[in-house]
Structures are given as C-alpha cells and as structure tokens.
Protein backbone atom coordinates (compact mmCIF):
# COMPACT_ATOMS: atom_id res chain seq x y z
CA MET A 1 -54.52 203.20 259.26
CA ASN A 2 -57.63 205.07 261.31
CA LEU A 3 -60.97 205.25 259.67
CA LEU A 4 -63.56 207.67 259.09
CA ARG A 5 -67.14 207.26 258.65
CA PHE A 6 -68.72 209.61 257.40
CA SER A 7 -71.97 211.07 256.10
CA THR A 8 -73.55 214.28 252.89
CA ALA A 9 -76.69 215.50 253.16
CA GLY A 10 -78.59 218.55 252.61
CA SER A 11 -81.55 220.01 250.12
CA VAL A 12 -81.97 218.75 246.75
CA ASP A 13 -79.97 219.87 243.99
CA ASP A 14 -77.13 221.18 246.59
CA GLY A 15 -74.75 218.68 244.48
CA LYS A 16 -73.93 216.28 247.23
CA SER A 17 -73.37 212.90 244.88
CA THR A 18 -70.98 216.26 242.56
CA LEU A 19 -69.10 216.30 245.48
CA ILE A 20 -68.41 212.73 246.36
CA GLY A 21 -67.96 211.59 242.79
CA ARG A 22 -65.37 214.84 242.45
CA LEU A 23 -63.76 213.38 246.01
CA LEU A 24 -63.11 209.78 244.09
CA TYR A 25 -61.96 211.10 241.22
CA ASP A 26 -59.69 213.65 242.38
CA ALA A 27 -58.55 211.04 245.12
CA LYS A 28 -57.64 208.92 242.19
CA SER A 29 -59.28 206.51 243.36
CA ILE A 30 -61.88 205.47 240.71
CA PHE A 31 -60.96 202.58 238.42
CA GLU A 32 -60.81 202.64 235.13
CA ASP A 33 -63.90 200.56 233.79
CA GLN A 34 -65.77 202.48 236.33
CA TYR A 35 -64.36 206.03 234.62
CA SER A 36 -65.38 204.23 231.11
CA ALA A 37 -68.86 203.49 232.50
CA LEU A 38 -68.83 207.22 233.38
CA VAL A 39 -68.04 208.47 230.23
CA ARG A 40 -70.86 206.04 228.17
CA THR A 41 -73.59 206.82 230.47
CA THR A 42 -72.39 210.94 230.58
CA ALA A 43 -72.92 210.59 226.75
CA ARG A 44 -76.01 208.52 226.48
CA ARG A 45 -78.14 211.72 228.91
CA GLY A 46 -76.92 213.57 227.09
CA GLY A 47 -73.08 215.24 227.64
CA VAL A 48 -72.35 218.21 229.25
CA GLY A 49 -75.45 219.76 227.58
CA GLY A 50 -77.97 217.46 229.37
CA ASN A 51 -76.44 217.59 232.97
CA VAL A 52 -74.98 220.65 234.54
CA ASP A 53 -73.23 218.75 237.11
CA ALA A 54 -71.05 216.92 234.38
CA VAL A 55 -67.53 218.06 233.88
CA MET A 56 -64.97 217.89 231.10
CA ASP A 57 -61.98 215.95 231.23
CA ASP A 58 -59.61 216.48 228.30
CA GLY A 59 -62.27 216.96 226.52
CA VAL A 60 -64.50 213.89 227.37
CA ALA A 61 -67.49 214.46 229.37
CA VAL A 62 -67.66 212.88 232.60
CA ASP A 63 -70.72 212.77 234.93
CA LEU A 64 -69.45 212.84 238.64
CA ALA A 65 -72.48 212.41 240.17
CA LEU A 66 -73.30 208.78 238.47
CA LEU A 67 -70.55 207.44 240.53
CA THR A 68 -72.97 207.36 244.12
CA ASP A 69 -76.64 207.88 241.77
CA GLY A 70 -76.83 204.08 241.37
CA LEU A 71 -80.31 203.50 241.05
CA MET A 72 -82.08 203.59 238.09
CA ALA A 73 -85.11 206.04 239.60
CA GLU A 74 -81.84 208.22 240.71
CA ARG A 75 -80.19 208.67 237.15
CA GLU A 76 -83.68 208.85 235.69
CA GLN A 77 -84.61 211.76 238.00
CA GLY A 78 -81.12 213.12 239.05
CA ILE A 79 -81.77 213.00 242.80
CA THR A 80 -80.43 210.22 245.65
CA ILE A 81 -83.04 208.49 246.67
CA ASP A 82 -81.24 205.99 248.99
CA VAL A 83 -77.92 205.94 251.06
CA ALA A 84 -75.29 205.44 248.12
CA TYR A 85 -72.38 203.74 250.45
CA ARG A 86 -68.60 204.38 248.70
CA TYR A 87 -65.31 202.86 250.25
CA PHE A 88 -62.00 205.14 249.31
CA ALA A 89 -58.18 205.07 251.26
CA THR A 90 -55.65 207.56 251.06
CA PRO A 91 -52.02 207.63 252.70
CA GLU A 92 -53.74 209.25 255.69
CA ARG A 93 -56.96 207.12 256.37
CA LYS A 94 -59.46 205.15 254.98
CA PHE A 95 -63.30 206.05 254.76
CA ILE A 96 -66.38 205.21 254.21
CA ILE A 97 -68.76 207.89 252.75
CA ALA A 98 -73.01 208.12 252.70
CA ASP A 99 -74.44 209.75 250.73
CA THR A 100 -77.88 210.35 251.36
CA PRO A 101 -81.01 212.18 250.01
CA GLY A 102 -82.01 215.50 249.75
CA HIS A 103 -85.43 215.80 249.80
CA GLU A 104 -87.99 215.97 252.83
CA GLN A 105 -89.64 212.64 251.35
CA TYR A 106 -86.28 210.80 252.33
CA THR A 107 -85.13 213.18 255.87
CA ARG A 108 -85.71 208.84 257.50
CA ASN A 109 -82.45 207.87 254.94
CA MET A 110 -80.76 210.22 256.28
CA VAL A 111 -81.05 209.30 259.66
CA THR A 112 -79.86 206.19 258.64
CA GLY A 113 -76.66 207.02 256.60
CA ALA A 114 -75.81 209.96 259.57
CA SER A 115 -76.62 207.12 262.27
CA THR A 116 -73.29 205.22 262.06
CA ALA A 117 -71.07 208.64 261.10
CA ASP A 118 -68.55 210.37 262.56
CA LEU A 119 -68.65 213.34 260.70
CA THR A 120 -71.10 214.72 258.53
CA ILE A 121 -71.08 216.96 255.58
CA VAL A 122 -74.36 219.66 255.19
CA LEU A 123 -73.80 221.24 251.87
CA VAL A 124 -75.16 224.84 251.21
CA ASP A 125 -76.00 225.59 247.90
CA ALA A 126 -74.29 229.49 247.74
CA ARG A 127 -76.97 230.98 245.53
CA LYS A 128 -79.68 229.79 247.56
CA GLY A 129 -78.40 229.63 250.83
CA VAL A 130 -79.51 227.91 254.49
CA LEU A 131 -82.83 226.56 253.23
CA PRO A 132 -85.18 224.68 255.65
CA GLN A 133 -84.13 221.06 254.91
CA SER A 134 -80.46 222.55 255.71
CA ARG A 135 -81.55 223.33 259.28
CA ARG A 136 -83.44 219.86 259.78
CA HIS A 137 -80.10 217.66 258.59
CA ALA A 138 -78.07 220.24 260.85
CA ALA A 139 -80.59 219.48 263.63
CA ILE A 140 -80.97 215.64 263.08
CA ALA A 141 -77.16 215.40 263.00
CA SER A 142 -76.94 217.58 266.87
CA LEU A 143 -79.80 215.36 267.86
CA LEU A 144 -77.37 211.88 266.41
CA GLY A 145 -74.48 213.41 267.92
CA ILE A 146 -72.12 213.54 265.43
CA ARG A 147 -69.21 215.35 267.35
CA HIS A 148 -67.67 216.76 264.15
CA VAL A 149 -69.86 218.50 260.69
CA VAL A 150 -69.09 220.28 257.92
CA PHE A 151 -70.74 223.05 256.29
CA ALA A 152 -69.70 223.05 252.60
CA VAL A 153 -70.93 225.79 250.83
CA ASN A 154 -71.35 224.60 247.21
CA LYS A 155 -71.36 226.19 243.76
CA MET A 156 -68.98 228.69 244.85
CA ASP A 157 -68.87 228.81 240.76
CA LEU A 158 -71.99 230.12 240.16
CA VAL A 159 -71.64 233.04 242.30
CA ASP A 160 -68.24 234.51 241.44
CA TYR A 161 -66.58 232.81 244.10
CA ASP A 162 -67.42 236.11 245.93
CA GLU A 163 -65.67 236.20 249.59
CA ALA A 164 -68.63 238.23 251.11
CA ARG A 165 -71.21 235.60 250.18
CA PHE A 166 -69.11 233.31 251.80
CA VAL A 167 -68.68 234.70 254.90
CA ALA A 168 -72.66 235.95 255.16
CA LEU A 169 -73.54 232.04 255.06
CA GLN A 170 -70.84 231.38 257.46
CA THR A 171 -72.22 233.70 259.67
CA GLU A 172 -76.03 232.09 259.50
CA LEU A 173 -74.20 228.74 259.91
CA ASP A 174 -71.96 229.14 263.21
CA ALA A 175 -75.10 230.62 264.38
CA ILE A 176 -77.19 227.56 263.44
CA ALA A 177 -74.55 225.13 265.54
CA THR A 178 -74.08 227.47 268.12
CA ARG A 179 -77.44 227.34 268.74
CA LEU A 180 -77.98 223.15 268.18
CA GLY A 181 -75.28 223.03 270.45
CA LEU A 182 -72.70 221.75 267.39
CA ARG A 183 -69.32 221.93 269.09
CA ASP A 184 -67.00 220.86 266.29
CA VAL A 185 -67.97 223.17 262.95
CA LEU A 186 -65.79 224.47 259.98
CA CYS A 187 -67.54 226.25 256.55
CA ILE A 188 -65.62 225.37 253.44
CA PRO A 189 -66.35 227.23 250.23
CA LEU A 190 -65.62 224.70 247.29
CA SER A 191 -66.96 223.88 243.83
CA ALA A 192 -67.56 220.73 243.39
CA LEU A 193 -68.50 220.42 239.87
CA LYS A 194 -64.88 222.49 239.28
CA GLY A 195 -63.39 221.33 242.02
CA ASP A 196 -62.44 224.09 243.85
CA MET A 197 -61.19 223.35 247.56
CA VAL A 198 -62.64 219.97 247.38
CA VAL A 199 -58.85 218.02 247.18
CA GLU A 200 -57.20 221.07 245.18
CA ARG A 201 -56.72 224.41 246.28
CA GLY A 202 -57.52 225.53 242.82
CA ALA A 203 -56.84 229.12 242.02
CA ARG A 204 -60.22 231.04 242.36
CA LEU A 205 -60.57 230.71 246.37
CA ASP A 206 -57.15 232.21 247.09
CA TRP A 207 -58.76 234.07 249.86
CA TYR A 208 -59.68 231.34 251.92
CA ARG A 209 -56.97 230.46 254.10
CA GLY A 210 -58.57 227.18 255.46
CA PRO A 211 -58.25 223.67 254.91
CA THR A 212 -59.65 221.85 251.77
CA LEU A 213 -62.49 219.27 252.71
CA LEU A 214 -60.25 216.08 251.73
CA GLU A 215 -56.81 217.56 254.38
CA HIS A 216 -59.92 218.15 256.90
CA LEU A 217 -60.91 214.27 256.46
CA GLU A 218 -57.34 213.13 256.59
CA ARG A 219 -56.53 215.42 260.29
CA VAL A 220 -59.80 215.13 261.93
CA ASP A 221 -60.00 213.40 265.15
CA VAL A 222 -62.25 210.79 265.53
CA ALA A 223 -61.20 208.32 268.62
CA LEU A 224 -63.47 207.54 271.06
CA PRO A 225 -63.22 208.94 274.64
CA VAL A 226 -60.94 206.58 276.94
CA ASP A 227 -62.96 207.05 279.82
CA ALA A 228 -66.61 205.93 278.60
CA ALA A 229 -68.45 203.62 280.45
CA PHE A 230 -67.94 200.22 280.08
CA ARG A 231 -71.19 198.09 278.08
CA PHE A 232 -70.95 195.07 276.79
CA PRO A 233 -74.94 194.02 275.43
CA VAL A 234 -74.87 190.47 275.83
CA GLN A 235 -75.63 188.49 272.00
CA LEU A 236 -75.17 185.53 272.35
CA VAL A 237 -74.67 183.17 275.20
CA SER A 238 -71.53 179.70 273.85
CA ARG A 239 -69.93 176.56 275.46
CA PRO A 240 -68.46 175.10 272.30
CA GLY A 241 -64.87 175.47 271.19
CA LEU A 242 -63.47 177.66 273.80
CA PRO A 243 -60.48 176.80 275.73
CA GLU A 244 -61.86 175.72 279.13
CA ALA A 245 -64.36 173.48 279.27
CA TYR A 246 -68.25 173.45 279.94
CA VAL A 247 -67.11 177.08 280.59
CA ARG A 248 -69.97 179.22 279.87
CA GLY A 249 -69.11 182.00 277.03
CA TYR A 250 -70.72 185.73 276.40
CA MET A 251 -70.45 186.68 273.29
CA GLY A 252 -71.27 190.27 271.95
CA ARG A 253 -69.26 193.32 270.48
CA ILE A 254 -68.00 196.25 273.58
CA GLU A 255 -70.22 198.91 272.66
CA SER A 256 -67.74 201.97 274.78
CA GLY A 257 -65.21 201.64 277.23
CA SER A 258 -62.81 198.84 277.37
CA ILE A 259 -62.23 196.06 280.14
CA ARG A 260 -59.41 193.90 281.66
CA VAL A 261 -59.49 190.70 282.71
CA GLY A 262 -59.76 190.77 286.95
CA GLU A 263 -61.83 193.45 286.61
CA ARG A 264 -65.20 193.52 288.46
CA VAL A 265 -68.60 193.58 286.74
CA VAL A 266 -72.34 193.64 287.07
CA VAL A 267 -74.91 191.59 284.58
CA GLN A 268 -78.02 193.88 284.94
CA PRO A 269 -80.76 193.85 285.38
CA GLY A 270 -80.24 190.89 287.36
CA GLY A 271 -77.45 193.24 289.77
CA ARG A 272 -75.09 189.90 290.00
CA GLU A 273 -71.45 191.09 290.87
CA THR A 274 -68.50 188.43 289.10
CA VAL A 275 -65.08 188.89 287.80
CA VAL A 276 -64.00 189.19 284.57
CA THR A 277 -61.31 185.91 284.05
CA GLY A 278 -60.98 185.96 280.37
CA ILE A 279 -61.39 187.54 276.99
CA VAL A 280 -61.11 185.67 274.09
CA THR A 281 -61.16 186.48 270.07
CA LEU A 282 -60.55 184.54 267.06
CA ASP A 283 -57.27 186.02 266.71
CA GLY A 284 -56.55 184.78 270.62
CA SER A 285 -56.90 185.58 274.12
CA LEU A 286 -56.36 188.90 275.50
CA ASP A 287 -55.88 191.04 278.70
CA THR A 288 -58.02 194.23 277.51
CA ALA A 289 -60.93 194.85 274.95
CA ALA A 290 -62.19 198.06 273.86
CA ALA A 291 -65.31 199.11 271.79
CA PRO A 292 -65.66 198.49 269.18
CA ARG A 293 -64.26 194.86 269.50
CA SER A 294 -66.40 192.33 269.38
CA VAL A 295 -65.26 189.20 272.47
CA THR A 296 -66.59 186.32 274.63
CA LEU A 297 -66.14 187.34 278.14
CA LEU A 298 -65.36 184.78 280.47
CA LEU A 299 -66.97 185.19 284.07
CA ALA A 300 -65.82 183.88 287.09
CA ASP A 301 -69.51 183.03 288.58
CA ASP A 302 -72.24 180.42 286.57
CA ILE A 303 -74.44 183.14 286.31
CA ASP A 304 -78.19 183.17 284.62
CA ILE A 305 -77.30 185.91 281.47
CA SER A 306 -79.09 185.65 277.79
CA ARG A 307 -79.31 187.93 275.45
CA GLY A 308 -80.53 190.73 275.81
CA ASP A 309 -78.80 191.41 279.18
CA LEU A 310 -75.98 194.17 279.45
CA VAL A 311 -72.66 193.77 281.50
CA ALA A 312 -71.11 197.11 283.05
CA ARG A 313 -68.15 197.54 285.15
CA VAL A 314 -69.71 197.33 289.08
CA GLU A 315 -68.95 201.22 289.57
CA ARG A 316 -70.58 202.51 286.93
CA PRO A 317 -73.73 200.46 285.69
CA ALA A 318 -75.90 201.78 283.42
CA THR A 319 -79.95 203.11 284.90
CA ALA A 320 -82.63 200.30 284.19
CA VAL A 321 -86.19 202.14 283.30
CA LYS A 322 -89.59 201.66 282.41
CA ALA A 323 -90.45 204.95 281.62
CA PHE A 324 -87.69 207.69 280.12
CA ASP A 325 -88.42 210.80 277.43
CA ALA A 326 -86.22 211.12 274.05
CA MET A 327 -85.98 212.76 271.12
CA VAL A 328 -87.55 210.45 267.89
CA CYS A 329 -87.24 211.08 264.34
CA TRP A 330 -90.85 209.88 262.61
CA MET A 331 -89.53 207.94 259.44
CA ASP A 332 -93.40 206.12 259.03
CA ALA A 333 -95.95 207.52 256.43
CA ALA A 334 -98.21 206.33 258.84
CA PRO A 335 -97.80 208.66 261.61
CA MET A 336 -97.71 207.77 264.94
CA ALA A 337 -100.77 207.42 266.76
CA ALA A 338 -102.05 208.87 270.19
CA ASN A 339 -101.12 205.88 273.05
CA GLY A 340 -100.27 203.77 270.31
CA ARG A 341 -98.30 200.51 271.04
CA TYR A 342 -94.71 199.62 269.34
CA LEU A 343 -91.74 197.33 269.84
CA ILE A 344 -88.82 199.41 271.03
CA LYS A 345 -85.33 197.63 270.08
CA HIS A 346 -82.58 198.93 272.13
CA THR A 347 -79.08 197.07 271.89
CA THR A 348 -79.58 193.48 272.05
CA ARG A 349 -83.29 193.77 273.65
CA THR A 350 -87.14 194.31 272.41
CA THR A 351 -89.91 194.92 274.61
CA LYS A 352 -93.07 196.35 274.03
CA ALA A 353 -93.80 200.07 274.41
CA LEU A 354 -96.53 202.17 274.79
CA VAL A 355 -96.31 206.10 273.82
CA ASP A 356 -97.08 208.17 276.87
CA GLY A 357 -97.52 211.83 275.17
CA VAL A 358 -95.69 214.09 272.90
CA VAL A 359 -93.94 217.11 275.07
CA GLY A 360 -93.13 218.66 272.40
CA LYS A 361 -91.78 219.18 268.37
CA LEU A 362 -89.01 220.92 267.23
CA ASP A 363 -89.69 223.84 264.89
CA ILE A 364 -87.32 223.48 261.55
CA ALA A 365 -87.38 226.96 261.47
CA THR A 366 -86.71 228.76 264.73
CA LEU A 367 -84.40 225.01 265.76
CA GLU A 368 -85.97 225.41 269.14
CA SER A 369 -89.63 223.10 270.64
CA ARG A 370 -92.86 224.16 270.43
CA PRO A 371 -95.66 222.80 272.67
CA ALA A 372 -97.37 219.46 270.25
CA SER A 373 -100.20 220.93 268.80
CA GLY A 374 -101.54 217.34 268.52
CA ALA A 375 -100.77 213.69 270.00
CA ALA A 376 -99.74 212.23 266.60
CA LEU A 377 -96.32 212.91 264.84
CA ALA A 378 -96.30 213.13 261.06
CA MET A 379 -93.54 211.76 258.77
CA ASN A 380 -89.79 213.35 259.17
CA GLU A 381 -90.56 215.80 262.59
CA ILE A 382 -89.09 215.42 264.81
CA ALA A 383 -90.13 215.28 268.44
CA GLN A 384 -89.63 214.88 271.88
CA VAL A 385 -91.41 212.11 273.31
CA ARG A 386 -92.55 210.03 276.53
CA PHE A 387 -92.52 206.48 276.54
CA ARG A 388 -93.50 203.46 278.92
CA VAL A 389 -92.13 199.83 278.45
CA ARG A 390 -92.98 196.48 279.62
CA ASP A 391 -89.85 195.42 280.38
CA ALA A 392 -87.10 197.99 281.76
CA LEU A 393 -84.29 199.30 279.60
CA LEU A 394 -80.26 199.81 280.62
CA VAL A 395 -79.64 203.18 278.77
CA ASP A 396 -78.03 205.91 279.40
CA ALA A 397 -78.56 209.29 277.99
CA TYR A 398 -77.39 209.63 274.47
CA ARG A 399 -75.03 212.75 274.99
CA ASP A 400 -72.92 210.54 277.63
CA ASP A 401 -73.38 206.47 275.43
CA HIS A 402 -74.33 206.65 272.11
CA ALA A 403 -75.06 202.85 272.17
CA THR A 404 -77.34 202.10 275.01
CA GLY A 405 -78.88 205.95 274.55
CA ALA A 406 -80.33 204.95 270.77
CA PHE A 407 -82.94 202.53 270.02
CA ILE A 408 -85.64 201.94 267.47
CA VAL A 409 -89.60 202.07 267.23
CA ILE A 410 -91.33 198.74 265.02
CA ASP A 411 -94.55 198.70 263.73
CA GLU A 412 -96.33 195.73 266.15
CA VAL A 413 -98.32 194.35 262.94
CA THR A 414 -96.02 195.25 260.04
CA ASN A 415 -92.72 194.70 261.68
CA HIS A 416 -91.69 198.07 260.00
CA THR A 417 -89.10 200.45 261.06
CA VAL A 418 -90.93 203.87 262.02
CA ALA A 419 -88.60 205.98 264.14
CA ALA A 420 -85.49 206.94 265.53
CA GLY A 421 -85.18 207.85 269.05
CA MET A 422 -82.19 209.18 271.31
CA VAL A 423 -82.51 208.86 275.37
CA MET A 424 -82.53 212.39 276.77
CA ASP A 425 -81.63 212.79 280.61
CA ASP A 426 -84.81 212.58 281.83
CA ARG A 427 -85.02 208.83 282.68
CA ARG A 428 -87.03 207.26 285.40
CA ALA A 429 -85.47 204.45 287.65
CA ALA A 430 -87.06 201.08 287.39
C-alpha cells in the first residue's frame, strides 16, 4: 500500500479544517473516543448555533474542524494557527495530511507543511472567489515543486450549488495554474459542511462529472521519477557492526535516484572516484537501493569522507557553487538585512552565507516578478535572492532535484530558521 502526503491551504475561513474533518469522518477514520470528544466539545461551545462549521449527525452536533484544530488558541478563535498532521488509510492507500493555516502571518507554517507534500489542496470559498492568499498559496505550491494541485471550490451549498459560479472560478484558477507552470491540476466543487464530493458524491452536484476528492487522492500517481540523478548526502561515518571488519561505512538517506553494487560513484566536493561494494540496511545487505531509503554505503577505496559530503554517480555529479540565485520565502518577523550574514543549511552541510542582493520580488496580485524597491525582505514575501557562501554547496536546480535544490536560512545570532529557499537555474560553479 503506497503513501500519499498532502497538505491543505487557502484563505481564512475557507473551511480547511472542516474539509479534513469531513474527509476523516466520511472515510470512517475517527475513533469512538475522538467522536465522543467532538460531541462534548461542540456542545460546550453552543452546538450548531455556536459554530457554523458544526454538522448534524443523527441529531447530534459535531464540529468536524476540531479534529485538526488542536491548540487551545485555535479552538477559541476558530482558526488554524499551526500545522496539524493527521493520518488515515483506505483500502487503496495510506495518507498523511498537513492542515496548514490560512492567515497571511502564518504563511511560513504553510511552507513548512507543504514542503514534504506530494499534493496540495488549495481551498477557495465559492462566495468570495480567488483571494490574494489563495494566489500566494498556489505560488508557493509552484515554488516548492509540488507536482499535483487540487483547487477545491468549497461552500458550494452557500451558492445553491451553482454550476455557472464554479465554471467561472475554474476558468480563473486554470489561468493562475498556467501562469505558475502548475501541470497536474484538478478543480473540484464541494461542500465540506454537507459532504458533497468529499468522499460521497451527494445528490446536489450531479452536473459535475469528475472524481470526488477522495477518489482523486486514491488514484493520483506520486511515484518518484526513475531517472533522477543519484544523490546521497553523508550524515555519519560509521564502523561498528558492519559485516566487513575495519571497513568504513557511510550512513545517510538516498534523497533521489538509485544505486547498485558495482557502480562507480564520485565523492564530492573532493572529486575522488570509487566503486560501491556494499549496501547495508537494518534488514540486511542489498544489491540495489533507491530513494528515499536510509542505507550504509560501503566503498572500494578508503577515502576521507565526512558529514556534509555527497556521493553521486560519476556521470551525473552535482554542481559545486559558491554563488547562486534562489527563490526565497522569508518567514521571520525581522526583515532580511541588506548584505546580511546568515547560515545556510543544505542537505547535511551548514555554511556561512552573505546576501548579495534581491533581484526581484513576486507580486502576488499579478504572479509576476517586479524589481525590488529595497534590499530588505519582509515576512511572507517571496523574492529572487542572490547568495554567496563560504564553503561550496553541492546543488542542483530545484526543478531537477528537490533534495539538493532546497535549503533553509538560519539567523546566526538567534539560531531561528528565517527563510526557505529553492535554488534556481542560475548557478555559478565554484
């Protein structure tokens, strides 16, 4: 049974938490004690009259949003603040859900939740239409390289299930997807409150011929590309417990591609070539292994390798750079300093970095890059930033490899993660 990781995004009150609650509820993935707690909590909050997201089940008030809004502040304010993860399964596959906040001030949380997603669901309120935050979340999905996007046009019950309204929004959303370069895009009309087109089709959207949300989630193909370049960032060098005495093992996770015993590899940044003589796991030795498996590699030659180095195939090495451009989502309340000095953590390597300038900022309204009016980058702004680093990083363009194309920016003083970045094609070899 394969796994699908997906996230939800959208503006405030678009119904993200209610949608996830409905999905879990109709898919029979709520335990009895959870259900009882929902009934009690809904009753304490005033039942259906006290919360518009409450639904009636056999005469009992149930607020489905409470399944994901776990923080006290979230329940008091009726909003999502932090990323909430939920797990469930159907006979077709397993799922990990990241329910992310809608407020602009929590965009950084959305980036965190979506960073590991195979698919994202961007909710749009059928009454309000496409809002700036909807565009921002779609843009972030594009920047993060999420291959599958669902635009869920929610609250169709509040527009009398009007097909014309949905078609108008679908046309606008398709134009946004085209402009952002999103490829696998599906628009689904639904009502999280009533349950139409979430798990069951319902009787009020009979003009829609596409799949329900759950049907699409069960069918979407999220298999990793088989021709991806082999990338193995070394996490730890280990000797004890290996089958061959006094042979070093190099531990880590295969981030992309695959490797086979007997294949020639290059250790970067040193450039020494060698041959893979063994692949060791907790389950025993393997002849071949692929992403995202954690393994210990045994190599034919005794090479000076340490944490932060990268093992790649000889014919497809990573590019070592000391200067590069990246799309950055700034996530800290303190703005990015002009010519500021930060730390960059890339795979298993951390190095000092200098901001060399802001090339352009993403205009959320037009989804186009505009010249930067100032060097500073404010919280939740997305921009193309130029970096210079002290130690060469072994990178690929993010569109080619998410593992070696992504990094985080860390404040040297506070040690806070202040930004997430995606390496662009403009890379200058070290």
